[in-house]
Full PDB file with SEQRES, HELIX, SHEET, SSBOND, CRYST1, ORIGX, SCALE, CONECT and MASTER records, all heavy atoms in Angstrom:
SEQRES   1 A   27  VAL ILE ILE ALA GLY SER VAL ALA GLY ALA LEU ALA TYR          
SEQRES   2 A   27  VAL THR ASN ASP LEU ALA ASN SER MET LYS ASP ARG GLY          
SEQRES   3 A   27  THR                                                          
HELIX    1 AA1 ILE A    2  GLY A   26  1                                  25    
CRYST1    1.000    1.000    1.000  90.00  90.00  90.00 P 1           1          
ORIGX1      1.000000  0.000000  0.000000        0.00000                         
ORIGX2      0.000000  1.000000  0.000000        0.00000                         
ORIGX3      0.000000  0.000000  1.000000        0.00000                         
SCALE1      1.000000  0.000000  0.000000        0.00000                         
SCALE2      0.000000  1.000000  0.000000        0.00000                         
SCALE3      0.000000  0.000000  1.000000        0.00000                         
ATOM      1  N   VAL A   1      74.324 167.726 -91.119  1.00  0.00           N  
ATOM      2  CA  VAL A   1      74.009 166.534 -90.379  1.00  0.00           C  
ATOM      3  C   VAL A   1      74.901 165.266 -90.623  1.00  0.00           C  
ATOM      4  O   VAL A   1      75.271 164.687 -89.602  1.00  0.00           O  
ATOM      5  CB  VAL A   1      72.584 165.949 -90.869  1.00  0.00           C  
ATOM      6  CG1 VAL A   1      72.157 164.743 -90.198  1.00  0.00           C  
ATOM      7  CG2 VAL A   1      71.547 167.073 -90.193  1.00  0.00           C  
ATOM      8  N   ILE A   2      75.413 165.251 -91.786  1.00  0.00           N  
ATOM      9  CA  ILE A   2      76.378 164.139 -92.033  1.00  0.00           C  
ATOM     10  C   ILE A   2      77.759 164.371 -91.372  1.00  0.00           C  
ATOM     11  O   ILE A   2      78.235 163.472 -90.737  1.00  0.00           O  
ATOM     12  CB  ILE A   2      76.667 164.052 -93.661  1.00  0.00           C  
ATOM     13  CG1 ILE A   2      75.536 163.523 -94.296  1.00  0.00           C  
ATOM     14  CG2 ILE A   2      77.952 163.199 -93.980  1.00  0.00           C  
ATOM     15  CD1 ILE A   2      75.571 163.592 -95.895  1.00  0.00           C  
ATOM     16  N   ILE A   3      78.196 165.668 -91.265  1.00  0.00           N  
ATOM     17  CA  ILE A   3      79.438 166.045 -90.550  1.00  0.00           C  
ATOM     18  C   ILE A   3      79.245 165.664 -89.127  1.00  0.00           C  
ATOM     19  O   ILE A   3      80.013 165.108 -88.397  1.00  0.00           O  
ATOM     20  CB  ILE A   3      79.743 167.369 -90.880  1.00  0.00           C  
ATOM     21  CG1 ILE A   3      80.363 167.564 -92.365  1.00  0.00           C  
ATOM     22  CG2 ILE A   3      80.906 167.906 -89.922  1.00  0.00           C  
ATOM     23  CD1 ILE A   3      80.658 168.866 -92.770  1.00  0.00           C  
ATOM     24  N   ALA A   4      78.078 166.194 -88.528  1.00  0.00           N  
ATOM     25  CA  ALA A   4      77.855 165.968 -87.099  1.00  0.00           C  
ATOM     26  C   ALA A   4      77.704 164.486 -86.818  1.00  0.00           C  
ATOM     27  O   ALA A   4      78.235 164.006 -85.777  1.00  0.00           O  
ATOM     28  CB  ALA A   4      76.560 166.688 -86.782  1.00  0.00           C  
ATOM     29  N   GLY A   5      77.122 163.684 -87.605  1.00  0.00           N  
ATOM     30  CA  GLY A   5      77.010 162.201 -87.478  1.00  0.00           C  
ATOM     31  C   GLY A   5      78.390 161.556 -87.360  1.00  0.00           C  
ATOM     32  O   GLY A   5      78.769 160.844 -86.617  1.00  0.00           O  
ATOM     33  N   SER A   6      79.316 162.050 -88.423  1.00  0.00           N  
ATOM     34  CA  SER A   6      80.717 161.562 -88.421  1.00  0.00           C  
ATOM     35  C   SER A   6      81.434 161.923 -87.204  1.00  0.00           C  
ATOM     36  O   SER A   6      82.184 161.002 -86.625  1.00  0.00           O  
ATOM     37  CB  SER A   6      81.430 162.062 -89.585  1.00  0.00           C  
ATOM     38  OG  SER A   6      80.783 161.752 -90.792  1.00  0.00           O  
ATOM     39  N   VAL A   7      81.316 163.103 -86.766  1.00  0.00           N  
ATOM     40  CA  VAL A   7      82.047 163.616 -85.485  1.00  0.00           C  
ATOM     41  C   VAL A   7      81.447 162.711 -84.317  1.00  0.00           C  
ATOM     42  O   VAL A   7      82.235 162.319 -83.394  1.00  0.00           O  
ATOM     43  CB  VAL A   7      81.840 165.117 -85.279  1.00  0.00           C  
ATOM     44  CG1 VAL A   7      82.308 165.391 -83.988  1.00  0.00           C  
ATOM     45  CG2 VAL A   7      82.573 165.912 -86.349  1.00  0.00           C  
ATOM     46  N   ALA A   8      80.155 162.531 -84.234  1.00  0.00           N  
ATOM     47  CA  ALA A   8      79.630 161.668 -83.028  1.00  0.00           C  
ATOM     48  C   ALA A   8      80.065 160.339 -83.145  1.00  0.00           C  
ATOM     49  O   ALA A   8      80.466 159.654 -82.094  1.00  0.00           O  
ATOM     50  CB  ALA A   8      78.085 161.955 -83.167  1.00  0.00           C  
ATOM     51  N   GLY A   9      80.285 159.876 -84.258  1.00  0.00           N  
ATOM     52  CA  GLY A   9      80.720 158.430 -84.449  1.00  0.00           C  
ATOM     53  C   GLY A   9      82.224 158.326 -83.983  1.00  0.00           C  
ATOM     54  O   GLY A   9      82.509 157.405 -83.312  1.00  0.00           O  
ATOM     55  N   ALA A  10      82.964 159.316 -84.465  1.00  0.00           N  
ATOM     56  CA  ALA A  10      84.396 159.317 -84.082  1.00  0.00           C  
ATOM     57  C   ALA A  10      84.460 159.466 -82.558  1.00  0.00           C  
ATOM     58  O   ALA A  10      85.339 158.686 -81.963  1.00  0.00           O  
ATOM     59  CB  ALA A  10      85.045 160.366 -84.747  1.00  0.00           C  
ATOM     60  N   LEU A  11      83.690 160.317 -81.985  1.00  0.00           N  
ATOM     61  CA  LEU A  11      83.708 160.530 -80.480  1.00  0.00           C  
ATOM     62  C   LEU A  11      83.316 159.246 -79.778  1.00  0.00           C  
ATOM     63  O   LEU A  11      83.830 158.936 -78.718  1.00  0.00           O  
ATOM     64  CB  LEU A  11      82.878 161.623 -80.135  1.00  0.00           C  
ATOM     65  CG  LEU A  11      83.528 163.119 -80.353  1.00  0.00           C  
ATOM     66  CD1 LEU A  11      82.510 164.142 -80.005  1.00  0.00           C  
ATOM     67  CD2 LEU A  11      84.783 163.418 -79.613  1.00  0.00           C  
ATOM     68  N   ALA A  12      82.354 158.589 -80.330  1.00  0.00           N  
ATOM     69  CA  ALA A  12      81.874 157.295 -79.550  1.00  0.00           C  
ATOM     70  C   ALA A  12      82.978 156.171 -79.720  1.00  0.00           C  
ATOM     71  O   ALA A  12      83.105 155.560 -78.665  1.00  0.00           O  
ATOM     72  CB  ALA A  12      80.532 156.949 -80.360  1.00  0.00           C  
ATOM     73  N   TYR A  13      83.600 156.224 -80.764  1.00  0.00           N  
ATOM     74  CA  TYR A  13      84.718 155.143 -80.940  1.00  0.00           C  
ATOM     75  C   TYR A  13      85.820 155.611 -79.897  1.00  0.00           C  
ATOM     76  O   TYR A  13      86.375 154.582 -79.218  1.00  0.00           O  
ATOM     77  CB  TYR A  13      85.338 155.181 -82.345  1.00  0.00           C  
ATOM     78  CG  TYR A  13      86.543 154.339 -82.497  1.00  0.00           C  
ATOM     79  CD1 TYR A  13      86.514 152.867 -82.602  1.00  0.00           C  
ATOM     80  CD2 TYR A  13      87.821 154.909 -82.500  1.00  0.00           C  
ATOM     81  CE1 TYR A  13      87.445 152.106 -82.695  1.00  0.00           C  
ATOM     82  CE2 TYR A  13      88.909 154.160 -82.712  1.00  0.00           C  
ATOM     83  CZ  TYR A  13      88.762 152.715 -82.762  1.00  0.00           C  
ATOM     84  OH  TYR A  13      89.747 151.862 -82.850  1.00  0.00           O  
ATOM     85  N   VAL A  14      86.276 156.704 -79.896  1.00  0.00           N  
ATOM     86  CA  VAL A  14      87.373 157.207 -78.910  1.00  0.00           C  
ATOM     87  C   VAL A  14      86.885 156.944 -77.532  1.00  0.00           C  
ATOM     88  O   VAL A  14      87.722 156.491 -76.683  1.00  0.00           O  
ATOM     89  CB  VAL A  14      87.669 158.659 -79.211  1.00  0.00           C  
ATOM     90  CG1 VAL A  14      88.594 159.179 -78.142  1.00  0.00           C  
ATOM     91  CG2 VAL A  14      88.493 158.862 -80.516  1.00  0.00           C  
ATOM     92  N   THR A  15      85.695 157.282 -77.219  1.00  0.00           N  
ATOM     93  CA  THR A  15      85.270 157.079 -75.808  1.00  0.00           C  
ATOM     94  C   THR A  15      85.172 155.665 -75.460  1.00  0.00           C  
ATOM     95  O   THR A  15      85.578 155.272 -74.358  1.00  0.00           O  
ATOM     96  CB  THR A  15      83.863 157.747 -75.635  1.00  0.00           C  
ATOM     97  OG1 THR A  15      83.798 159.043 -75.979  1.00  0.00           O  
ATOM     98  CG2 THR A  15      83.289 157.571 -74.280  1.00  0.00           C  
ATOM     99  N   ASN A  16      84.688 154.782 -76.259  1.00  0.00           N  
ATOM    100  CA  ASN A  16      84.691 153.319 -76.230  1.00  0.00           C  
ATOM    101  C   ASN A  16      86.078 152.739 -75.916  1.00  0.00           C  
ATOM    102  O   ASN A  16      86.323 151.886 -75.076  1.00  0.00           O  
ATOM    103  CB  ASN A  16      83.950 152.684 -77.199  1.00  0.00           C  
ATOM    104  CG  ASN A  16      83.717 151.156 -77.040  1.00  0.00           C  
ATOM    105  OD1 ASN A  16      83.417 150.808 -75.883  1.00  0.00           O  
ATOM    106  ND2 ASN A  16      83.760 150.376 -77.969  1.00  0.00           N  
ATOM    107  N   ASP A  17      86.989 153.231 -76.793  1.00  0.00           N  
ATOM    108  CA  ASP A  17      88.408 152.824 -76.698  1.00  0.00           C  
ATOM    109  C   ASP A  17      89.012 153.167 -75.394  1.00  0.00           C  
ATOM    110  O   ASP A  17      89.735 152.443 -74.702  1.00  0.00           O  
ATOM    111  CB  ASP A  17      89.211 153.330 -77.772  1.00  0.00           C  
ATOM    112  CG  ASP A  17      90.573 152.738 -77.965  1.00  0.00           C  
ATOM    113  OD1 ASP A  17      90.751 151.506 -77.901  1.00  0.00           O  
ATOM    114  OD2 ASP A  17      91.521 153.516 -78.198  1.00  0.00           O  
ATOM    115  N   LEU A  18      88.756 154.490 -74.962  1.00  0.00           N  
ATOM    116  CA  LEU A  18      89.253 154.964 -73.658  1.00  0.00           C  
ATOM    117  C   LEU A  18      88.672 154.094 -72.502  1.00  0.00           C  
ATOM    118  O   LEU A  18      89.357 153.801 -71.549  1.00  0.00           O  
ATOM    119  CB  LEU A  18      88.970 156.437 -73.477  1.00  0.00           C  
ATOM    120  CG  LEU A  18      89.464 157.089 -72.305  1.00  0.00           C  
ATOM    121  CD1 LEU A  18      90.982 157.103 -72.288  1.00  0.00           C  
ATOM    122  CD2 LEU A  18      89.053 158.549 -72.284  1.00  0.00           C  
ATOM    123  N   ALA A  19      87.390 153.870 -72.488  1.00  0.00           N  
ATOM    124  CA  ALA A  19      86.711 153.124 -71.440  1.00  0.00           C  
ATOM    125  C   ALA A  19      87.329 151.631 -71.449  1.00  0.00           C  
ATOM    126  O   ALA A  19      87.603 151.176 -70.242  1.00  0.00           O  
ATOM    127  CB  ALA A  19      85.243 152.991 -71.716  1.00  0.00           C  
ATOM    128  N   ASN A  20      87.580 151.039 -72.553  1.00  0.00           N  
ATOM    129  CA  ASN A  20      88.063 149.679 -72.553  1.00  0.00           C  
ATOM    130  C   ASN A  20      89.612 149.711 -72.097  1.00  0.00           C  
ATOM    131  O   ASN A  20      90.030 148.868 -71.322  1.00  0.00           O  
ATOM    132  CB  ASN A  20      88.102 149.076 -73.943  1.00  0.00           C  
ATOM    133  CG  ASN A  20      86.710 148.713 -74.338  1.00  0.00           C  
ATOM    134  OD1 ASN A  20      85.936 148.329 -73.687  1.00  0.00           O  
ATOM    135  ND2 ASN A  20      86.552 148.607 -75.672  1.00  0.00           N  
ATOM    136  N   SER A  21      90.308 150.774 -72.423  1.00  0.00           N  
ATOM    137  CA  SER A  21      91.808 150.919 -71.879  1.00  0.00           C  
ATOM    138  C   SER A  21      91.767 150.986 -70.335  1.00  0.00           C  
ATOM    139  O   SER A  21      92.548 150.379 -69.620  1.00  0.00           O  
ATOM    140  CB  SER A  21      92.485 152.042 -72.522  1.00  0.00           C  
ATOM    141  OG  SER A  21      92.665 151.801 -73.936  1.00  0.00           O  
ATOM    142  N   MET A  22      90.770 151.849 -69.957  1.00  0.00           N  
ATOM    143  CA  MET A  22      90.657 152.060 -68.394  1.00  0.00           C  
ATOM    144  C   MET A  22      90.330 150.676 -67.731  1.00  0.00           C  
ATOM    145  O   MET A  22      90.786 150.459 -66.580  1.00  0.00           O  
ATOM    146  CB  MET A  22      89.653 153.149 -68.178  1.00  0.00           C  
ATOM    147  CG  MET A  22      90.241 154.579 -68.496  1.00  0.00           C  
ATOM    148  SD  MET A  22      89.007 155.817 -68.164  1.00  0.00           S  
ATOM    149  CE  MET A  22      88.803 155.868 -66.538  1.00  0.00           C  
ATOM    150  N   LYS A  23      89.372 150.008 -68.320  1.00  0.00           N  
ATOM    151  CA  LYS A  23      88.935 148.787 -67.762  1.00  0.00           C  
ATOM    152  C   LYS A  23      90.206 147.736 -67.619  1.00  0.00           C  
ATOM    153  O   LYS A  23      90.386 147.139 -66.625  1.00  0.00           O  
ATOM    154  CB  LYS A  23      87.783 148.129 -68.482  1.00  0.00           C  
ATOM    155  CG  LYS A  23      87.449 146.828 -68.063  1.00  0.00           C  
ATOM    156  CD  LYS A  23      86.272 146.226 -69.034  1.00  0.00           C  
ATOM    157  CE  LYS A  23      86.082 144.810 -68.631  1.00  0.00           C  
ATOM    158  NZ  LYS A  23      85.288 144.185 -69.722  1.00  0.00           N  
ATOM    159  N   ASP A  24      90.880 147.630 -68.733  1.00  0.00           N  
ATOM    160  CA  ASP A  24      92.141 146.811 -68.698  1.00  0.00           C  
ATOM    161  C   ASP A  24      93.043 147.234 -67.764  1.00  0.00           C  
ATOM    162  O   ASP A  24      93.687 146.293 -67.097  1.00  0.00           O  
ATOM    163  CB  ASP A  24      92.728 146.788 -70.214  1.00  0.00           C  
ATOM    164  CG  ASP A  24      91.864 146.140 -71.081  1.00  0.00           C  
ATOM    165  OD1 ASP A  24      90.905 145.340 -70.738  1.00  0.00           O  
ATOM    166  OD2 ASP A  24      92.194 146.297 -72.330  1.00  0.00           O  
ATOM    167  N   ARG A  25      93.327 148.507 -67.575  1.00  0.00           N  
ATOM    168  CA  ARG A  25      94.382 148.994 -66.589  1.00  0.00           C  
ATOM    169  C   ARG A  25      93.921 148.828 -65.359  1.00  0.00           C  
ATOM    170  O   ARG A  25      94.657 148.440 -64.371  1.00  0.00           O  
ATOM    171  CB  ARG A  25      94.501 150.508 -66.822  1.00  0.00           C  
ATOM    172  CG  ARG A  25      95.468 151.194 -66.014  1.00  0.00           C  
ATOM    173  CD  ARG A  25      96.924 150.949 -66.481  1.00  0.00           C  
ATOM    174  NE  ARG A  25      97.757 151.838 -65.726  1.00  0.00           N  
ATOM    175  CZ  ARG A  25      99.012 151.645 -65.585  1.00  0.00           C  
ATOM    176  NH1 ARG A  25      99.619 150.555 -66.180  1.00  0.00           N  
ATOM    177  NH2 ARG A  25      99.722 152.456 -64.834  1.00  0.00           N  
ATOM    178  N   GLY A  26      92.626 148.952 -64.999  1.00  0.00           N  
ATOM    179  CA  GLY A  26      92.169 148.615 -63.749  1.00  0.00           C  
ATOM    180  C   GLY A  26      92.221 147.116 -63.275  1.00  0.00           C  
ATOM    181  O   GLY A  26      92.519 146.865 -62.254  1.00  0.00           O  
ATOM    182  N   THR A  27      91.949 146.277 -64.299  1.00  0.00           N  
ATOM    183  CA  THR A  27      92.089 144.819 -64.068  1.00  0.00           C  
ATOM    184  C   THR A  27      93.617 144.546 -63.705  1.00  0.00           C  
ATOM    185  O   THR A  27      93.827 143.743 -62.755  1.00  0.00           O  
ATOM    186  CB  THR A  27      91.651 144.016 -65.366  1.00  0.00           C  
ATOM    187  OG1 THR A  27      90.330 144.405 -65.461  1.00  0.00           O  
ATOM    188  CG2 THR A  27      91.830 142.512 -64.984  1.00  0.00           C  
TER     189      THR A  27                                                      
MASTER        0    0    0    1    0    0    0    6  188    1    0    3          
END                                                                             
């Protein structure tokens, strides 16, 4: 459960970073 939580947190961070980059590029 701890490993899965860590992986999910890392994926959430990467997804959020990617979404912000796409928003900036679109602007």
